Protein backbone atom coordinates (compact mmCIF):
# COMPACT_ATOMS: atom_id res chain seq x y z
CA UNK A 1 -61.71 -65.24 2.96
CA UNK A 2 -60.80 -67.52 5.85
CA UNK A 3 -61.48 -64.66 8.27
CA UNK A 4 -64.66 -63.47 6.62
CA UNK A 5 -66.61 -61.36 9.14
CA UNK A 6 -69.73 -60.72 7.04
CA UNK A 7 -72.87 -61.39 9.05
CA UNK A 8 -71.10 -61.32 12.44
CA UNK A 9 -72.95 -58.41 14.06
CA UNK A 10 -72.32 -56.98 17.53
CA UNK A 11 -75.50 -55.70 19.13
CA UNK A 12 -74.29 -55.18 22.71
CA UNK A 13 -71.26 -54.02 24.66
CA UNK A 14 -70.81 -57.57 25.94
CA UNK A 15 -70.48 -58.84 22.37
CA UNK A 16 -68.08 -56.05 21.49
CA UNK A 17 -65.81 -56.90 24.45
CA UNK A 18 -65.95 -60.66 23.90
CA UNK A 19 -62.79 -62.72 24.16
CA UNK A 20 -63.30 -63.87 20.57
CA UNK A 21 -64.87 -60.98 18.62
CA UNK A 22 -64.44 -62.96 15.39
CA UNK A 23 -65.92 -66.46 15.19
CA UNK A 24 -62.87 -67.81 13.37
CA UNK A 25 -60.70 -67.08 16.41
CA UNK A 26 -62.75 -69.47 18.51
CA UNK A 27 -62.58 -72.11 15.76
CA UNK A 28 -58.80 -71.75 15.56
CA UNK A 29 -58.50 -72.09 19.34
CA UNK A 30 -60.66 -75.21 19.18
CA UNK A 31 -58.32 -76.74 16.62
CA UNK A 32 -55.31 -75.94 18.79
CA UNK A 33 -56.99 -77.54 21.82
CA UNK A 34 -57.77 -80.68 19.81
CA UNK A 35 -54.12 -80.86 18.74
CA UNK A 36 -52.74 -80.40 22.25
CA UNK A 37 -55.26 -82.57 24.10
CA UNK A 38 -55.84 -85.39 21.60
CA UNK A 39 -53.61 -85.49 18.51
CA UNK A 40 -50.20 -84.81 20.06
CA UNK A 41 -50.56 -87.28 22.97
CA UNK A 42 -51.65 -90.05 20.59
CA UNK A 43 -48.93 -89.49 18.00
CA UNK A 44 -45.92 -88.00 19.82
CA UNK A 45 -42.85 -90.07 20.63
CA UNK A 46 -40.87 -90.08 23.87
CA UNK A 47 -38.37 -87.73 22.22
CA UNK A 48 -41.11 -85.28 21.24
CA UNK A 49 -42.57 -85.26 24.75
CA UNK A 50 -39.24 -84.62 26.48
CA UNK A 51 -37.66 -82.18 24.03
CA UNK A 52 -40.63 -80.26 22.64
CA UNK A 53 -44.10 -80.62 24.12
CA UNK A 54 -43.42 -80.56 27.87
CA UNK A 55 -40.66 -77.89 27.87
CA UNK A 56 -42.65 -75.62 25.53
CA UNK A 57 -45.59 -75.59 27.94
CA UNK A 58 -43.39 -75.03 31.00
CA UNK A 59 -41.34 -72.24 29.45
CA UNK A 60 -44.49 -70.60 28.09
CA UNK A 61 -45.95 -70.58 31.61
CA UNK A 62 -42.77 -69.07 33.06
CA UNK A 63 -42.76 -66.38 30.37
CA UNK A 64 -46.43 -65.71 31.08
CA UNK A 65 -45.60 -65.01 34.71
CA UNK A 66 -42.78 -62.67 33.69
CA UNK A 67 -45.05 -60.99 31.14
CA UNK A 68 -47.58 -60.11 33.82
CA UNK A 69 -44.89 -58.24 35.71
CA UNK A 70 -42.91 -56.73 32.83
CA UNK A 71 -45.32 -56.67 29.90
CA UNK A 72 -48.53 -55.65 31.70
CA UNK A 73 -47.31 -53.85 34.85
CA UNK A 74 -44.07 -52.43 33.42
CA UNK A 75 -41.81 -53.65 36.25
CA UNK A 76 -38.47 -55.04 35.04
CA UNK A 77 -37.29 -58.32 36.53
CA UNK A 78 -34.14 -60.39 36.07
CA UNK A 79 -34.87 -62.88 38.84
CA UNK A 80 -37.30 -65.23 37.12
CA UNK A 81 -35.00 -68.24 37.41
CA UNK A 82 -34.64 -67.81 41.16
CA UNK A 83 -38.41 -67.54 41.66
CA UNK A 84 -38.81 -70.73 39.63
CA UNK A 85 -36.34 -72.27 42.08
CA UNK A 86 -38.45 -71.16 45.04
CA UNK A 87 -41.43 -72.95 43.55
CA UNK A 88 -39.40 -76.10 42.86
CA UNK A 89 -37.89 -76.31 46.34
CA UNK A 90 -41.23 -75.47 47.98
CA UNK A 91 -42.92 -78.28 46.05
CA UNK A 92 -40.12 -80.66 47.05
CA UNK A 93 -40.54 -79.84 50.73
CA UNK A 94 -44.32 -80.17 50.54
CA UNK A 95 -44.03 -83.61 48.93
CA UNK A 96 -41.43 -84.85 51.44
CA UNK A 97 -43.20 -83.45 54.53
CA UNK A 98 -46.69 -84.44 53.36
CA UNK A 99 -46.17 -87.56 51.18
CA UNK A 100 -49.93 -88.11 50.99
CA UNK A 101 -50.48 -84.77 49.25
CA UNK A 102 -51.72 -84.78 45.67
CA UNK A 103 -48.83 -83.63 43.42
CA UNK A 104 -51.03 -81.19 41.48
CA UNK A 105 -52.11 -79.58 44.75
CA UNK A 106 -48.47 -79.40 45.86
CA UNK A 107 -47.50 -77.77 42.58
CA UNK A 108 -50.25 -75.17 42.89
CA UNK A 109 -49.41 -74.50 46.56
CA UNK A 110 -45.71 -74.07 45.78
CA UNK A 111 -46.56 -70.90 43.91
CA UNK A 112 -47.82 -69.35 47.16
CA UNK A 113 -44.32 -69.46 48.65
CA UNK A 114 -42.86 -67.97 45.49
CA UNK A 115 -45.49 -65.21 45.60
CA UNK A 116 -44.49 -64.32 49.16
CA UNK A 117 -40.83 -64.08 48.20
CA UNK A 118 -41.76 -62.07 45.13
CA UNK A 119 -43.70 -59.53 47.19
CA UNK A 120 -40.77 -59.20 49.60
CA UNK A 121 -38.36 -58.41 46.77
CA UNK A 122 -40.99 -56.30 45.02
CA UNK A 123 -41.20 -53.76 47.84
CA UNK A 124 -38.28 -51.73 46.37
CA UNK A 125 -40.45 -51.14 43.28
CA UNK A 126 -42.39 -48.61 45.37
CA UNK A 127 -39.32 -46.37 45.37
CA UNK A 128 -37.25 -47.36 42.33
CA UNK A 129 -38.04 -48.36 38.78
CA UNK A 130 -36.43 -49.10 35.45
CA UNK A 131 -32.78 -50.09 35.46
CA UNK A 132 -32.49 -49.83 39.24
CA UNK A 133 -35.41 -52.19 39.79
CA UNK A 134 -33.82 -54.66 37.39
CA UNK A 135 -30.65 -54.56 39.49
CA UNK A 136 -32.71 -55.18 42.65
CA UNK A 137 -34.32 -58.27 41.12
CA UNK A 138 -30.89 -59.37 39.91
CA UNK A 139 -29.74 -59.21 43.52
CA UNK A 140 -32.70 -61.45 44.42
CA UNK A 141 -31.55 -63.88 41.74
CA UNK A 142 -28.05 -64.24 43.20
CA UNK A 143 -29.22 -64.29 46.81
CA UNK A 144 -31.82 -67.01 46.29
CA UNK A 145 -29.45 -69.25 44.33
CA UNK A 146 -26.92 -68.82 47.15
CA UNK A 147 -29.66 -69.73 49.65
CA UNK A 148 -30.50 -72.88 47.70
CA UNK A 149 -26.86 -73.95 48.02
CA UNK A 150 -26.25 -73.08 51.66
CA UNK A 151 -29.53 -73.96 53.39
CA UNK A 152 -29.30 -77.75 53.55
CA UNK A 153 -32.82 -78.08 54.99
CA UNK A 154 -34.18 -77.25 51.54
CA UNK A 155 -32.70 -80.41 50.03
CA UNK A 156 -33.10 -82.58 53.17
CA UNK A 157 -29.36 -82.49 53.97
CA UNK A 158 -28.56 -84.48 50.84
CA UNK A 159 -24.80 -84.89 50.45
CA UNK A 160 -25.00 -84.02 46.74
CA UNK A 161 -26.91 -80.80 47.42
CA UNK A 162 -29.53 -81.76 44.83
CA UNK A 163 -33.22 -82.54 45.04
CA UNK A 164 -34.46 -85.80 43.52
CA UNK A 165 -38.10 -86.19 42.56
CA UNK A 166 -39.51 -89.34 44.20
CA UNK A 167 -41.98 -91.69 42.56
CA UNK A 168 -45.43 -90.21 43.18
CA UNK A 169 -48.57 -92.23 42.57
CA UNK A 170 -52.09 -90.84 42.24
CA UNK A 171 -55.17 -92.99 41.60
CA UNK A 172 -52.96 -95.91 40.70
CA UNK A 173 -50.93 -93.94 38.12
CA UNK A 174 -47.33 -92.76 38.48
CA UNK A 175 -47.43 -89.01 37.81
CA UNK A 176 -43.89 -88.02 38.82
CA UNK A 177 -40.54 -89.65 39.35
CA UNK A 178 -38.53 -92.15 37.29
CA UNK A 179 -41.49 -94.51 36.86
CA UNK A 180 -43.87 -91.87 35.49
CA UNK A 181 -44.74 -92.05 31.79
CA UNK A 182 -44.09 -89.00 29.63
CA UNK A 183 -47.69 -88.83 28.43
CA UNK A 184 -48.91 -88.71 32.05
CA UNK A 185 -46.51 -85.89 32.88
CA UNK A 186 -47.56 -84.10 29.70
CA UNK A 187 -51.22 -84.17 30.70
CA UNK A 188 -50.43 -82.93 34.22
CA UNK A 189 -48.42 -80.05 32.76
CA UNK A 190 -51.16 -79.33 30.21
CA UNK A 191 -53.88 -79.21 32.90
CA UNK A 192 -51.90 -76.83 35.11
CA UNK A 193 -50.82 -74.60 32.20
CA UNK A 194 -54.40 -74.42 30.93
CA UNK A 195 -55.66 -73.36 34.37
CA UNK A 196 -52.93 -70.73 34.70
CA UNK A 197 -53.60 -69.41 31.20
CA UNK A 198 -57.32 -68.98 31.89
CA UNK A 199 -56.45 -67.23 35.16
CA UNK A 200 -54.00 -64.85 33.48
CA UNK A 201 -56.40 -64.04 30.62
CA UNK A 202 -59.17 -63.13 33.05
CA UNK A 203 -56.87 -61.08 35.26
CA UNK A 204 -55.35 -59.09 32.41
CA UNK A 205 -58.77 -58.39 30.85
CA UNK A 206 -60.31 -57.27 34.15
CA UNK A 207 -59.97 -54.32 36.48
CA UNK A 208 -56.62 -55.48 37.82
CA UNK A 209 -55.21 -55.77 34.31
CA UNK A 210 -56.30 -52.23 33.43
CA UNK A 211 -54.69 -51.03 36.65
CA UNK A 212 -51.41 -52.71 35.69
CA UNK A 213 -51.50 -51.16 32.21
CA UNK A 214 -52.13 -47.70 33.62
CA UNK A 215 -49.20 -48.15 36.02
CA UNK A 216 -47.01 -49.31 33.15
CA UNK A 217 -47.88 -46.48 30.78
CA UNK A 218 -47.55 -43.59 33.27
CA UNK A 219 -47.52 -44.29 36.99
CA UNK A 220 -47.81 -40.64 38.05
CA UNK A 221 -50.96 -40.13 35.97
CA UNK A 222 -52.33 -43.44 37.26
CA UNK A 223 -51.86 -42.27 40.84
CA UNK A 224 -53.53 -38.95 40.05
CA UNK A 225 -56.70 -40.70 38.86
CA UNK A 226 -56.89 -42.72 42.07
CA UNK A 227 -54.94 -45.92 41.39
CA UNK A 228 -53.08 -47.26 44.41
CA UNK A 229 -49.57 -47.79 43.03
CA UNK A 230 -48.44 -49.89 45.99
CA UNK A 231 -51.33 -52.30 45.54
CA UNK A 232 -50.92 -52.36 41.77
CA UNK A 233 -47.19 -53.12 41.82
CA UNK A 234 -47.23 -55.60 44.68
CA UNK A 235 -50.15 -57.56 43.23
CA UNK A 236 -48.23 -57.74 39.95
CA UNK A 237 -45.19 -59.09 41.79
CA UNK A 238 -47.33 -61.55 43.75
CA UNK A 239 -49.28 -62.99 40.83
CA UNK A 240 -46.25 -63.02 38.55
CA UNK A 241 -44.15 -64.83 41.15
CA UNK A 242 -46.98 -67.28 41.80
CA UNK A 243 -47.20 -68.25 38.13
CA UNK A 244 -43.41 -68.44 37.85
CA UNK A 245 -43.23 -70.58 41.00
CA UNK A 246 -45.78 -73.02 39.61
CA UNK A 247 -43.75 -73.25 36.40
CA UNK A 248 -40.63 -73.94 38.47
CA UNK A 249 -42.35 -76.83 40.26
CA UNK A 250 -43.43 -78.26 36.90
CA UNK A 251 -39.93 -77.67 35.56
CA UNK A 252 -38.41 -80.04 38.11
CA UNK A 253 -41.20 -82.46 38.96
CA UNK A 254 -42.66 -83.03 35.50
CA UNK A 255 -39.62 -82.60 33.28
CA UNK A 256 -36.12 -82.58 34.77
CA UNK A 257 -36.67 -85.10 37.58
CA UNK A 258 -33.81 -83.64 39.65
CA UNK A 259 -32.29 -80.24 40.21
CA UNK A 260 -29.24 -78.53 41.65
CA UNK A 261 -29.12 -74.87 42.70
CA UNK A 262 -27.19 -73.80 39.59
CA UNK A 263 -30.10 -75.01 37.44
CA UNK A 264 -31.92 -71.80 38.44
CA UNK A 265 -29.05 -69.43 37.69
CA UNK A 266 -29.12 -66.23 35.64
CA UNK A 267 -29.09 -68.13 32.35
CA UNK A 268 -32.56 -69.51 33.06
CA UNK A 269 -33.81 -66.00 33.84
CA UNK A 270 -32.46 -64.68 30.55
CA UNK A 271 -33.93 -67.63 28.65
CA UNK A 272 -37.42 -66.86 29.98
CA UNK A 273 -36.88 -63.15 29.27
CA UNK A 274 -35.91 -63.93 25.67
CA UNK A 275 -39.08 -65.95 25.23
CA UNK A 276 -41.17 -63.04 26.52
CA UNK A 277 -39.39 -60.50 24.28
CA UNK A 278 -39.55 -62.57 21.11
CA UNK A 279 -43.13 -63.63 21.76
CA UNK A 280 -44.24 -60.10 22.56
CA UNK A 281 -44.46 -58.21 25.84
CA UNK A 282 -47.97 -57.51 27.05
CA UNK A 283 -49.57 -60.53 25.41
CA UNK A 284 -50.67 -64.02 26.43
CA UNK A 285 -50.41 -65.86 23.13
CA UNK A 286 -46.94 -64.45 22.50
CA UNK A 287 -45.56 -66.54 25.35
CA UNK A 288 -46.49 -69.73 23.52
CA UNK A 289 -45.13 -68.46 20.20
CA UNK A 290 -41.84 -67.43 21.81
CA UNK A 291 -41.53 -70.73 23.66
CA UNK A 292 -42.14 -72.71 20.46
CA UNK A 293 -39.37 -70.77 18.73
CA UNK A 294 -36.80 -70.83 21.54
CA UNK A 295 -37.37 -74.48 22.50
CA UNK A 296 -37.87 -75.76 18.97
CA UNK A 297 -34.91 -73.94 17.38
CA UNK A 298 -32.17 -76.14 18.93
CA UNK A 299 -34.10 -79.28 17.95
CA UNK A 300 -34.37 -78.06 14.36
CA UNK A 301 -30.69 -77.13 14.24
CA UNK A 302 -29.75 -80.56 15.55
CA UNK A 303 -31.91 -82.51 13.11
CA UNK A 304 -31.56 -80.49 9.88
CA UNK A 305 -27.80 -81.05 9.30
CA UNK A 306 -28.21 -84.80 9.80
CA UNK A 307 -31.18 -84.79 7.41
CA UNK A 308 -29.13 -83.19 4.62
CA UNK A 309 -25.98 -85.14 5.47
CA UNK A 310 -24.00 -82.13 6.70
CA UNK A 311 -21.28 -83.00 9.23
CA UNK A 312 -21.79 -80.33 11.91
CA UNK A 313 -20.61 -80.85 15.47
CA UNK A 314 -22.86 -80.31 18.47
CA UNK A 315 -20.67 -77.40 19.63
CA UNK A 316 -21.23 -75.64 16.29
CA UNK A 317 -24.97 -76.22 16.58
CA UNK A 318 -24.92 -74.66 20.07
CA UNK A 319 -23.06 -71.60 18.77
CA UNK A 320 -25.50 -71.27 15.86
CA UNK A 321 -28.41 -71.44 18.30
CA UNK A 322 -26.98 -68.61 20.42
CA UNK A 323 -26.24 -66.49 17.34
CA UNK A 324 -29.72 -66.95 15.87
CA UNK A 325 -31.48 -66.22 19.17
CA UNK A 326 -29.37 -63.08 19.64
CA UNK A 327 -30.13 -61.93 16.10
CA UNK A 328 -33.85 -62.54 16.62
CA UNK A 329 -33.86 -60.50 19.84
CA UNK A 330 -32.14 -57.57 18.09
CA UNK A 331 -34.53 -57.90 15.14
CA UNK A 332 -37.67 -57.85 17.28
CA UNK A 333 -36.44 -55.04 19.53
CA UNK A 334 -35.72 -52.83 16.50
CA UNK A 335 -38.20 -53.90 13.81
CA UNK A 336 -41.14 -55.28 15.77
CA UNK A 337 -40.97 -54.57 19.53
CA UNK A 338 -44.28 -56.36 20.11
CA UNK A 339 -42.83 -59.65 18.89
CA UNK A 340 -44.41 -62.62 17.20
CA UNK A 341 -47.81 -61.80 18.69
CA UNK A 342 -47.92 -58.55 16.72
CA UNK A 343 -46.89 -60.37 13.53
CA UNK A 344 -49.85 -62.71 14.03
CA UNK A 345 -52.15 -59.70 14.55
CA UNK A 346 -50.99 -58.18 11.26
CA UNK A 347 -51.52 -61.48 9.42
CA UNK A 348 -54.97 -61.78 10.97
CA UNK A 349 -55.94 -58.26 9.89
CA UNK A 350 -54.80 -58.99 6.34
CA UNK A 351 -56.84 -62.19 6.31
CA UNK A 352 -59.95 -60.33 7.49
CA UNK A 353 -59.89 -57.82 4.60
CA UNK A 354 -58.46 -60.17 1.95
CA UNK A 355 -58.57 -59.95 -1.09
CA UNK A 356 -58.82 -56.18 -0.69
CA UNK A 357 -55.60 -54.27 0.10
CA UNK A 358 -57.10 -52.06 2.84
């Protein structure tokens, strides 16, 4: 009876198309916001910030960007890691060239450069699709990582070839760099991720989102009813790359603190793809569910054996993590292709009609 809908009448089309058609959904979201904005910052330790809270938000944002392209527009991409790198290096150059710039503004602007690169590599999608498009984005992945290594201007001719986040102060508070507190970085990440989530929800629920879905389901039929496929696909690449670029800037400036080109290799792209698959393609909430599972699983595997006094080496824990993630991907692809988001939908439907079976 937690999801009792008795008395919740819809008397207009606006009410029927509301973001929260059931009042309990809004209440649940309010509880989640209280947890993320108030409870977690007041109770979390340094370990929780650095291993769970901050990376979950960043990976969820990266998966959200990939989901716009693959889940909503149906365009396969294996170059997410490289586009995150474009955002990180763009933010680094903006901060070093304009040291007076607000870091949040620099992070949001860095996505513009990533969007431009994404559109450039998205042009082949006008002619190819499916496996061949995935190979084209994979080529972008390798090319951009090579560019990060060879173009010394990107890392200010540093002998180590790495970028180091400087100490950045805003309104008397260190928000990035070695002197920044984890709770400050957490709030910066939370603000940016919240803005990006609201943007993605509105885009996917609007005209542009319906255009992407039509292109995904059957592009020939979409073109026949008047949808401009070039505009649909390139806007998907642009917005997806923008969101991914912003997540890449957060990844380095608000979490890692430093980065080398190999940080954005193919493994990062696959990690974000796994989050999107397990969470559920074509959904917004699934990105957060997938990120919680993928980021939280290694932490659980590291702490559980010590809790029960089991002597398990770190190498064994790493192998177990890879095996479990692989098994989960196979499970969701075969049993539930729509991922954890669909499982939540089924639970929600059962709660609405409970205690009746159907």
